[in-house]
Amino acid sequence: MSRTTFSPAGRGERRAERRARADYTGGVYGSMLAASVVVGAGSLGSFPRAEMVVLLLLTGVVFWIAHVHAQLFGARLAQQAPDRRLVMLVCRDEWPIVKAAVPPAAAVAVSPLLGLDVRGALWLALCVAVVGQVGWSVAAARRAGASPRLMAVTASVNLLLGLLIVAVKIVLKH
């Protein structure tokens, strides 16, 4: 079956091929970025939850655009001129950066339902981001066929990095 065929089986095969070569680096990076945004957010205005949700999502989108730009006009430009197919491929490959910002933003959005004040909402978002960071790293290791020991090592390293971000939040006290 050719790649230009638009049958459901052709789409399924392409989807399976993309999953097989999936790279979770952007998810790990995006989770760390989201945790850093929560830590770095000093004073928020009149609508702190809404502002934090927007800040998390927009930061993810801006960094996604930056990564797409770097891939297209940095490393790949020397190999081939970007065409529509390549642009779409790079956009999709870097999308986990944005996806990683969604769970912490959702945590902030639902925090009033949990009875959390703004400070509690920020701590919840930070914890969700760290859990996401660990989860993305384990998913990457698993997808790469890593042994259970190596998956535990990558989870531990990413948890340590996340806890360092938490320590910064504690030191900054805001």
Protein backbone atom coordinates (compact mmCIF):
# COMPACT_ATOMS: atom_id res chain seq x y z
CA MET A 1 0.00 0.00 0.00
CA SER A 2 1.48 3.38 -0.93
CA ARG A 3 1.85 6.22 1.56
CA THR A 4 -0.45 8.42 -0.52
CA THR A 5 -3.41 6.06 -0.08
CA PHE A 6 -5.98 7.51 2.28
CA SER A 7 -7.66 4.28 3.33
CA PRO A 8 -8.28 3.71 7.04
CA ALA A 9 -5.65 0.95 7.01
CA GLY A 10 -3.11 3.37 5.52
CA ARG A 11 -3.82 5.94 8.24
CA GLY A 12 -3.60 3.24 10.90
CA GLU A 13 -0.25 2.06 9.60
CA ARG A 14 1.10 5.62 9.58
CA ARG A 15 -0.21 6.20 13.11
CA ALA A 16 1.46 2.98 14.32
CA GLU A 17 4.70 4.03 12.62
CA ARG A 18 4.61 7.45 14.35
CA ARG A 19 3.97 5.81 17.74
CA ALA A 20 6.88 3.45 17.19
CA ARG A 21 9.30 6.35 16.67
CA ALA A 22 7.71 8.65 19.25
CA ASP A 23 10.12 10.84 21.20
CA TYR A 24 9.01 11.89 24.67
CA THR A 25 11.82 14.39 25.17
CA GLY A 26 9.40 17.25 24.63
CA GLY A 27 7.07 15.88 27.30
CA VAL A 28 9.85 15.67 29.88
CA TYR A 29 11.07 19.13 28.90
CA GLY A 30 7.55 20.57 28.85
CA SER A 31 6.80 19.19 32.31
CA MET A 32 9.99 20.74 33.69
CA LEU A 33 9.06 23.98 31.97
CA ALA A 34 5.57 23.93 33.50
CA ALA A 35 7.02 23.31 36.96
CA SER A 36 9.44 26.19 36.46
CA VAL A 37 6.60 28.49 35.36
CA VAL A 38 4.70 27.69 38.56
CA VAL A 39 7.81 28.35 40.66
CA GLY A 40 8.69 31.54 38.80
CA ALA A 41 5.22 33.03 38.98
CA GLY A 42 5.59 35.67 41.62
CA SER A 43 2.60 37.82 42.21
CA LEU A 44 -0.46 37.20 40.14
CA GLY A 45 -3.18 39.77 39.53
CA SER A 46 -6.89 39.85 40.28
CA PHE A 47 -7.59 36.47 38.67
CA PRO A 48 -4.62 34.35 39.76
CA ARG A 49 -5.98 30.96 38.71
CA ALA A 50 -6.98 32.12 35.25
CA GLU A 51 -3.67 33.95 34.88
CA MET A 52 -1.72 30.82 35.86
CA VAL A 53 -3.68 28.62 33.43
CA VAL A 54 -3.02 31.09 30.61
CA LEU A 55 0.63 31.50 31.63
CA LEU A 56 1.21 27.73 31.63
CA LEU A 57 -0.49 27.16 28.27
CA LEU A 58 1.03 30.17 26.53
CA THR A 59 4.50 29.33 27.81
CA GLY A 60 4.08 25.81 26.43
CA VAL A 61 2.96 27.17 23.06
CA VAL A 62 5.77 29.74 22.87
CA PHE A 63 8.41 27.13 23.68
CA TRP A 64 6.81 24.73 21.18
CA ILE A 65 7.09 27.41 18.48
CA ALA A 66 10.70 28.05 19.50
CA HIS A 67 11.54 24.35 19.26
CA VAL A 68 9.80 24.00 15.90
CA HIS A 69 11.70 27.01 14.61
CA ALA A 70 15.00 25.66 15.93
CA GLN A 71 14.37 22.27 14.32
CA LEU A 72 13.32 23.70 10.97
CA PHE A 73 15.88 26.46 10.63
CA GLY A 74 18.64 25.07 12.76
CA ALA A 75 19.52 21.46 12.41
CA ARG A 76 17.24 20.50 9.50
CA LEU A 77 17.87 23.45 7.20
CA ALA A 78 21.36 22.17 6.45
CA GLN A 79 19.89 18.82 5.40
CA GLN A 80 16.88 19.90 3.37
CA ALA A 81 14.71 22.91 2.67
CA PRO A 82 11.54 22.79 4.77
CA ASP A 83 8.38 21.89 2.91
CA ARG A 84 4.83 21.53 4.22
CA ARG A 85 5.30 17.84 5.09
CA LEU A 86 8.47 18.54 7.06
CA VAL A 87 6.90 21.51 8.87
CA MET A 88 3.92 19.36 9.92
CA LEU A 89 6.22 16.54 11.02
CA VAL A 90 8.32 18.85 13.20
CA CYS A 91 5.20 20.53 14.63
CA ARG A 92 3.81 17.13 15.60
CA ASP A 93 7.12 15.88 16.99
CA GLU A 94 7.48 18.93 19.26
CA TRP A 95 3.81 18.97 20.37
CA PRO A 96 4.48 17.09 23.66
CA ILE A 97 5.93 20.37 24.99
CA VAL A 98 2.42 21.85 24.85
CA LYS A 99 0.73 18.63 25.97
CA ALA A 100 2.87 18.60 29.11
CA ALA A 101 1.52 22.03 30.14
CA VAL A 102 -2.12 20.88 30.03
CA PRO A 103 -2.26 18.72 33.21
CA PRO A 104 -0.76 21.42 35.50
CA ALA A 105 -3.06 24.02 33.92
CA ALA A 106 -6.03 21.70 34.42
CA ALA A 107 -4.98 21.19 38.06
CA VAL A 108 -5.09 24.95 38.61
CA ALA A 109 -8.45 25.19 36.85
CA VAL A 110 -10.09 22.49 39.00
CA SER A 111 -8.42 23.53 42.26
CA PRO A 112 -11.47 25.48 43.52
CA LEU A 113 -13.49 22.25 43.27
CA LEU A 114 -10.94 20.69 45.62
CA GLY A 115 -11.29 23.54 48.10
CA LEU A 116 -7.77 24.84 47.47
CA ASP A 117 -6.78 28.46 47.77
CA VAL A 118 -4.44 29.98 45.17
CA ARG A 119 -1.31 28.87 47.01
CA GLY A 120 -2.67 25.31 47.21
CA ALA A 121 -3.54 25.44 43.51
CA LEU A 122 0.04 26.38 42.65
CA TRP A 123 1.41 23.55 44.78
CA LEU A 124 -1.00 21.13 43.12
CA ALA A 125 0.11 22.31 39.67
CA LEU A 126 3.75 21.92 40.66
CA CYS A 127 3.16 18.38 41.91
CA VAL A 128 1.23 17.47 38.76
CA ALA A 129 4.09 18.85 36.61
CA VAL A 130 6.69 16.81 38.51
CA VAL A 131 4.57 13.65 38.23
CA GLY A 132 4.21 14.37 34.51
CA GLN A 133 7.95 14.79 34.14
CA VAL A 134 8.56 11.42 35.78
CA GLY A 135 5.78 9.81 33.74
CA TRP A 136 7.06 11.12 30.41
CA SER A 137 10.59 9.90 31.20
CA VAL A 138 9.37 6.42 32.13
CA ALA A 139 7.21 6.28 29.00
CA ALA A 140 10.24 7.22 26.91
CA ALA A 141 12.41 4.58 28.57
CA ARG A 142 9.70 1.95 28.17
CA ARG A 143 9.16 2.85 24.50
CA ALA A 144 12.92 2.54 23.96
CA GLY A 145 12.85 -0.99 25.40
CA ALA A 146 14.72 -0.11 28.59
CA SER A 147 15.01 -2.64 31.36
CA PRO A 148 12.93 -2.15 34.51
CA ARG A 149 16.13 -1.10 36.30
CA LEU A 150 16.85 1.62 33.73
CA MET A 151 13.23 2.79 33.88
CA ALA A 152 13.62 3.10 37.67
CA VAL A 153 16.83 5.08 37.20
CA THR A 154 15.24 7.53 34.75
CA ALA A 155 12.24 7.91 37.06
CA SER A 156 14.55 8.59 40.00
CA VAL A 157 16.65 11.14 38.11
CA ASN A 158 13.56 12.99 36.92
CA LEU A 159 12.02 12.88 40.38
CA LEU A 160 15.24 14.35 41.79
CA LEU A 161 15.16 17.12 39.17
CA GLY A 162 11.53 17.80 40.02
CA LEU A 163 12.31 17.92 43.73
CA LEU A 164 15.06 20.43 43.00
CA ILE A 165 12.43 22.63 41.35
CA VAL A 166 10.21 22.15 44.42
CA ALA A 167 13.15 23.18 46.63
CA VAL A 168 13.51 26.38 44.62
CA LYS A 169 9.81 27.08 45.20
CA ILE A 170 10.27 26.58 48.94
CA VAL A 171 13.28 28.90 49.02
CA LEU A 172 11.48 31.60 46.98
CA LYS A 173 8.40 31.45 49.26
CA HIS A 174 5.97 32.93 46.77
